[in-house]
Amino acid sequence: MSQKDRWNERYRNSDSPPQAARVLSENLHLLAGSGRALDLACGRGGNALLLAECGYQVDAWDISDVAVHSLQAHAKEHQFTIFPQIMDTNDLPVLNNIYDVIIISYFLQRDLFPWFNDALKPGGLLFYQTFTQTKVSTRGPENSDFRLADQELIKQLSFLQLLVYREEGAQGNTDEGFRDEVMYIGRKPING
């Protein structure tokens, strides 16, 4: 089964409403309130919908045509300024200083890290949330290649100014807190 078919099947069989990632929903106060945003590997578009509600013009890209068509219908129904597009992350266009905000959640493709820096405007924000290799449950991908190593985002995204970082690993009472995932927000330097 191709990657596109796998994601199409997943979204076709999902009837839960689109949800924004916590890294975005819990940090809306960091947004400027308008501009251009990208929800990369958007899935059903929970992040795109929240950014549009906050006043952003949002590009939303995903390999799944099922997810993209669902988001198109939702955006049209609510008259949101969202531009969903079927896009394979292996074929991203070269972009320079386009986005005020980029969000990526529950997707990991390490060779995209430099692309984020190019695509962000100076002062632009990258919101990132995904699974970690240090885990306390069975949530997320089984393959550790699709999970971040401890503090990997800090190292990989060192070209950005770190604003928010949360990764609790297996410290303390693992029945509580933010587990199995990392939350990151970085800002592209204005002069740099």
Protein backbone atom coordinates (compact mmCIF):
# COMPACT_ATOMS: atom_id res chain seq x y z
CA MET A 1 0.00 0.00 0.00
CA SER A 2 1.41 3.41 -0.94
CA GLN A 3 1.88 6.14 1.62
CA LYS A 4 -0.94 8.14 -0.01
CA ASP A 5 -3.30 5.15 0.09
CA ARG A 6 -2.44 4.47 3.73
CA TRP A 7 -3.24 8.04 4.76
CA ASN A 8 -6.38 8.13 2.61
CA GLU A 9 -7.65 5.00 4.35
CA ARG A 10 -6.89 6.47 7.76
CA TYR A 11 -8.76 9.71 7.05
CA ARG A 12 -11.62 7.95 5.27
CA ASN A 13 -12.23 5.89 8.42
CA SER A 14 -12.03 8.84 10.83
CA ASP A 15 -15.17 10.60 11.92
CA SER A 16 -13.68 12.60 14.79
CA PRO A 17 -13.65 16.37 14.30
CA PRO A 18 -10.32 17.97 13.30
CA GLN A 19 -8.28 19.02 16.34
CA ALA A 20 -5.47 21.56 16.57
CA ALA A 21 -2.23 20.42 18.16
CA ARG A 22 -1.61 21.54 21.72
CA VAL A 23 1.56 23.36 20.70
CA LEU A 24 -0.68 25.76 18.76
CA SER A 25 -3.86 25.85 20.85
CA GLU A 26 -1.95 26.47 24.09
CA ASN A 27 0.28 29.18 22.61
CA LEU A 28 -2.05 31.35 20.55
CA HIS A 29 -0.81 34.36 22.51
CA LEU A 30 2.45 34.20 20.51
CA LEU A 31 0.67 34.83 17.19
CA ALA A 32 0.66 38.28 15.60
CA GLY A 33 -2.99 37.87 14.61
CA SER A 34 -2.70 37.96 10.84
CA GLY A 35 -0.42 37.01 8.00
CA ARG A 36 0.30 33.94 5.97
CA ALA A 37 0.55 30.47 7.50
CA LEU A 38 1.28 26.92 6.39
CA ASP A 39 -0.13 23.76 7.96
CA LEU A 40 2.26 21.15 6.55
CA ALA A 41 1.10 17.52 6.52
CA CYS A 42 -2.20 19.06 7.61
CA GLY A 43 -4.31 15.93 7.78
CA ARG A 44 -7.92 16.93 8.37
CA GLY A 45 -6.79 20.50 9.07
CA GLY A 46 -7.31 21.17 12.77
CA ASN A 47 -4.32 23.52 12.84
CA ALA A 48 -5.34 25.25 9.60
CA LEU A 49 -8.86 25.84 10.92
CA LEU A 50 -7.58 27.37 14.16
CA LEU A 51 -5.09 29.60 12.33
CA ALA A 52 -7.85 30.79 9.96
CA GLU A 53 -10.06 31.59 12.97
CA CYS A 54 -7.16 33.70 14.28
CA GLY A 55 -7.06 35.76 11.07
CA TYR A 56 -4.40 33.98 9.04
CA GLN A 57 -4.50 33.14 5.33
CA VAL A 58 -3.58 29.46 5.47
CA ASP A 59 -2.02 27.09 2.98
CA ALA A 60 -2.73 23.50 4.05
CA TRP A 61 -0.79 20.72 2.36
CA ASP A 62 -1.14 16.97 2.68
CA ILE A 63 -0.50 13.89 0.55
CA SER A 64 -4.03 12.59 1.26
CA ASP A 65 -6.65 13.76 -1.22
CA VAL A 66 -9.32 12.50 1.22
CA ALA A 67 -8.01 14.83 3.94
CA VAL A 68 -7.57 17.77 1.55
CA HIS A 69 -11.09 17.44 0.11
CA SER A 70 -12.56 17.21 3.61
CA LEU A 71 -10.72 20.37 4.65
CA GLN A 72 -11.81 22.16 1.46
CA ALA A 73 -15.45 21.43 2.28
CA HIS A 74 -15.03 22.53 5.91
CA ALA A 75 -13.25 25.76 4.93
CA LYS A 76 -15.95 26.59 2.35
CA GLU A 77 -18.74 25.89 4.84
CA HIS A 78 -17.21 28.24 7.42
CA GLN A 79 -15.89 30.76 4.87
CA PHE A 80 -12.32 30.42 6.09
CA THR A 81 -9.36 31.65 4.06
CA ILE A 82 -7.72 28.25 3.72
CA PHE A 83 -6.12 26.93 0.56
CA PRO A 84 -5.85 23.13 0.87
CA GLN A 85 -3.62 21.41 -1.65
CA ILE A 86 -2.52 17.84 -2.30
CA MET A 87 1.23 17.95 -1.79
CA ASP A 88 3.88 15.31 -1.23
CA THR A 89 6.50 16.57 1.22
CA ASN A 90 9.17 15.07 -1.05
CA ASP A 91 8.18 17.61 -3.72
CA LEU A 92 7.92 20.87 -1.78
CA PRO A 93 8.53 24.04 -3.79
CA VAL A 94 11.52 26.25 -3.09
CA LEU A 95 10.21 29.13 -0.98
CA ASN A 96 12.00 32.08 0.53
CA ASN A 97 10.58 34.24 3.32
CA ILE A 98 6.91 33.42 2.59
CA TYR A 99 5.30 32.37 5.88
CA ASP A 100 4.69 34.14 9.17
CA VAL A 101 3.75 30.80 10.74
CA ILE A 102 4.46 27.18 9.87
CA ILE A 103 2.95 24.37 11.90
CA ILE A 104 3.69 20.70 11.65
CA SER A 105 2.20 18.10 13.95
CA TYR A 106 2.55 14.34 14.14
CA PHE A 107 4.77 14.16 11.09
CA LEU A 108 8.53 13.80 10.91
CA GLN A 109 10.73 14.14 7.86
CA ARG A 110 14.15 15.28 9.02
CA ASP A 111 15.37 16.54 5.66
CA LEU A 112 12.69 19.27 5.82
CA PHE A 113 14.30 21.12 8.74
CA PRO A 114 16.36 23.50 6.52
CA TRP A 115 13.28 24.06 4.32
CA PHE A 116 11.44 25.52 7.32
CA ASN A 117 14.14 28.16 7.76
CA ASP A 118 13.97 29.13 4.09
CA ALA A 119 10.16 29.26 3.98
CA LEU A 120 9.74 31.35 7.16
CA LYS A 121 9.85 35.13 7.01
CA PRO A 122 12.29 36.82 9.40
CA GLY A 123 10.45 36.88 12.72
CA GLY A 124 8.25 33.97 11.59
CA LEU A 125 7.30 31.18 13.98
CA LEU A 126 7.63 27.41 13.61
CA PHE A 127 5.24 25.36 15.75
CA TYR A 128 6.15 21.67 15.95
CA GLN A 129 4.65 18.77 17.88
CA THR A 130 5.36 15.09 17.33
CA PHE A 131 6.29 11.85 19.02
CA THR A 132 9.54 11.12 20.86
CA GLN A 133 11.63 7.98 21.11
CA THR A 134 11.39 8.19 24.89
CA LYS A 135 7.86 6.96 25.50
CA VAL A 136 5.77 5.72 28.37
CA SER A 137 2.84 4.32 26.34
CA THR A 138 2.15 2.66 23.01
CA ARG A 139 0.90 5.88 21.36
CA GLY A 140 2.47 6.88 18.07
CA PRO A 141 4.52 5.11 15.44
CA GLU A 142 6.27 1.85 16.27
CA ASN A 143 9.25 2.69 14.04
CA SER A 144 11.70 4.87 15.99
CA ASP A 145 12.78 6.56 12.73
CA PHE A 146 9.46 8.43 12.93
CA ARG A 147 10.12 9.58 16.51
CA LEU A 148 12.49 12.28 17.67
CA ALA A 149 15.46 11.53 19.90
CA ASP A 150 15.75 13.40 23.19
CA GLN A 151 16.13 17.15 22.50
CA GLU A 152 16.61 16.49 18.79
CA LEU A 153 14.48 19.47 17.72
CA ILE A 154 16.64 21.84 19.75
CA LYS A 155 19.71 20.57 17.89
CA GLN A 156 18.15 20.25 14.42
CA LEU A 157 16.48 23.67 14.56
CA SER A 158 19.37 25.57 16.13
CA PHE A 159 19.05 28.22 13.39
CA LEU A 160 15.82 29.37 15.10
CA GLN A 161 15.48 31.24 18.40
CA LEU A 162 13.88 28.84 20.89
CA LEU A 163 10.69 30.27 22.44
CA VAL A 164 8.87 27.24 23.85
CA TYR A 165 10.07 23.71 24.48
CA ARG A 166 8.40 20.88 26.36
CA GLU A 167 9.62 17.31 26.47
CA GLU A 168 9.02 15.42 29.71
CA GLY A 169 10.27 12.00 28.72
CA ALA A 170 9.95 9.42 31.51
CA GLN A 171 10.73 11.78 34.39
CA GLY A 172 8.62 11.54 37.56
CA ASN A 173 5.03 10.33 37.60
CA THR A 174 4.52 9.15 34.03
CA ASP A 175 0.76 8.86 34.52
CA GLU A 176 0.60 12.66 34.41
CA GLY A 177 1.97 15.44 32.24
CA PHE A 178 2.87 15.74 28.58
CA ARG A 179 4.28 12.32 27.63
CA ASP A 180 5.46 10.56 24.48
CA GLU A 181 5.69 13.86 22.58
CA VAL A 182 7.68 17.04 22.19
CA MET A 183 6.34 20.57 21.80
CA TYR A 184 8.55 23.21 20.15
CA ILE A 185 8.16 26.82 19.03
CA GLY A 186 11.02 28.65 17.37
CA ARG A 187 11.37 32.08 15.79
CA LYS A 188 13.43 32.90 12.72
CA PRO A 189 15.83 35.72 13.63
CA ILE A 190 14.99 39.09 12.12
CA ASN A 191 18.63 39.97 11.52
CA GLY A 192 20.43 36.86 10.70
